[in-house]
Amino acid sequence: MVRRDGMVDNVRRPGRGAPARFAADLVTQPAGPGQVSGTGERIRLVWIGQRSVPGIEPGRWLHVEGFRADHDGVPTVFNPRYELLAGAHHD
């Protein structure tokens, strides 16, 4: 079971004709000055059957819960429970 607060680093929407599978990468440390992406622990979040998920966008802070699996060598949580967090940074 995984319980983490983190920032959405990027999202991937399925292309036309592709199975509905919305994905986002959550990082525990946001990108600093001069960095392209966040650091720290990275967890892929995947919502099967969804083409988008309201509120899930780069830069948004979340609290997520779910069961961790390794998918293609990446820690992944499928259909996670999530809560949108207010503010720029949560410790």
Protein backbone atom coordinates (compact mmCIF):
# COMPACT_ATOMS: atom_id res chain seq x y z
CA MET A 1 0.00 0.00 0.00
CA VAL A 2 1.32 3.46 -0.97
CA ARG A 3 0.34 6.73 0.68
CA ARG A 4 2.16 9.78 -0.69
CA ASP A 5 1.89 13.51 -1.12
CA GLY A 6 3.50 14.79 -4.28
CA MET A 7 3.27 17.03 -7.30
CA VAL A 8 2.06 15.98 -10.73
CA ASP A 9 5.14 16.28 -12.94
CA ASN A 10 3.51 15.34 -16.26
CA VAL A 11 0.41 13.72 -17.72
CA ARG A 12 -0.18 11.42 -20.71
CA ARG A 13 -3.53 11.25 -22.42
CA PRO A 14 -4.39 8.37 -24.75
CA GLY A 15 -4.31 9.10 -28.44
CA ARG A 16 -7.27 8.74 -30.76
CA GLY A 17 -8.15 5.07 -31.12
CA ALA A 18 -5.97 4.05 -28.15
CA PRO A 19 -7.49 2.36 -25.10
CA ALA A 20 -8.71 4.81 -22.45
CA ARG A 21 -5.82 5.01 -20.01
CA PHE A 22 -4.90 8.37 -18.45
CA ALA A 23 -1.50 8.49 -16.72
CA ALA A 24 0.39 11.00 -14.60
CA ASP A 25 3.78 10.95 -12.91
CA LEU A 26 3.84 12.06 -9.27
CA VAL A 27 7.13 13.30 -7.78
CA THR A 28 7.86 13.93 -4.13
CA GLN A 29 10.14 16.92 -4.89
CA PRO A 30 9.13 19.53 -7.50
CA ALA A 31 11.57 20.75 -10.14
CA GLY A 32 13.98 23.38 -8.85
CA PRO A 33 15.42 26.34 -10.75
CA GLY A 34 16.99 25.15 -14.00
CA GLN A 35 15.50 21.65 -13.70
CA VAL A 36 13.17 20.22 -16.33
CA SER A 37 11.37 17.71 -14.10
CA GLY A 38 10.89 16.92 -10.45
CA THR A 39 13.14 14.73 -8.35
CA GLY A 40 12.75 12.44 -5.38
CA GLU A 41 10.51 9.41 -5.54
CA ARG A 42 8.54 9.07 -8.79
CA ILE A 43 5.32 7.08 -8.97
CA ARG A 44 3.23 6.58 -12.09
CA LEU A 45 -0.52 6.92 -11.55
CA VAL A 46 -2.77 5.22 -14.10
CA TRP A 47 -6.55 5.55 -14.38
CA ILE A 48 -7.78 2.68 -16.54
CA GLY A 49 -10.90 3.53 -18.53
CA GLN A 50 -10.33 7.30 -18.31
CA ARG A 51 -9.18 9.72 -21.00
CA SER A 52 -8.78 12.52 -18.46
CA VAL A 53 -9.21 13.02 -14.71
CA PRO A 54 -10.53 16.37 -13.42
CA GLY A 55 -7.93 18.33 -11.47
CA ILE A 56 -4.98 16.16 -12.45
CA GLU A 57 -2.59 18.50 -14.24
CA PRO A 58 1.13 19.34 -14.07
CA GLY A 59 2.04 21.34 -10.98
CA ARG A 60 -0.95 20.15 -8.94
CA TRP A 61 -0.27 18.68 -5.48
CA LEU A 62 -2.05 15.45 -4.55
CA HIS A 63 -2.36 12.96 -1.76
CA VAL A 64 -2.62 9.49 -3.32
CA GLU A 65 -3.34 6.03 -1.94
CA GLY A 66 -3.32 2.68 -3.63
CA PHE A 67 -1.52 -0.57 -4.19
CA ARG A 68 1.91 -0.33 -5.78
CA ALA A 69 2.90 -2.52 -8.68
CA ASP A 70 6.03 -2.49 -10.82
CA HIS A 71 4.93 -1.96 -14.42
CA ASP A 72 7.74 -1.88 -17.01
CA GLY A 73 10.19 -1.25 -14.15
CA VAL A 74 8.30 1.83 -12.93
CA PRO A 75 6.50 1.99 -9.55
CA THR A 76 2.84 2.30 -10.58
CA VAL A 77 -0.50 2.69 -8.82
CA PHE A 78 -3.54 1.75 -10.91
CA ASN A 79 -6.82 3.61 -10.25
CA PRO A 80 -5.48 5.40 -7.16
CA ARG A 81 -7.60 7.18 -4.61
CA TYR A 82 -6.56 10.81 -4.62
CA GLU A 83 -7.21 14.12 -2.92
CA LEU A 84 -6.34 17.47 -4.51
CA LEU A 85 -4.23 19.55 -2.12
CA ALA A 86 -4.23 23.35 -1.94
CA GLY A 87 -1.03 25.36 -1.95
CA ALA A 88 2.29 25.15 -3.68
CA HIS A 89 4.18 22.78 -1.39
CA HIS A 90 3.32 20.24 1.27
CA ASP A 91 5.83 18.70 3.65
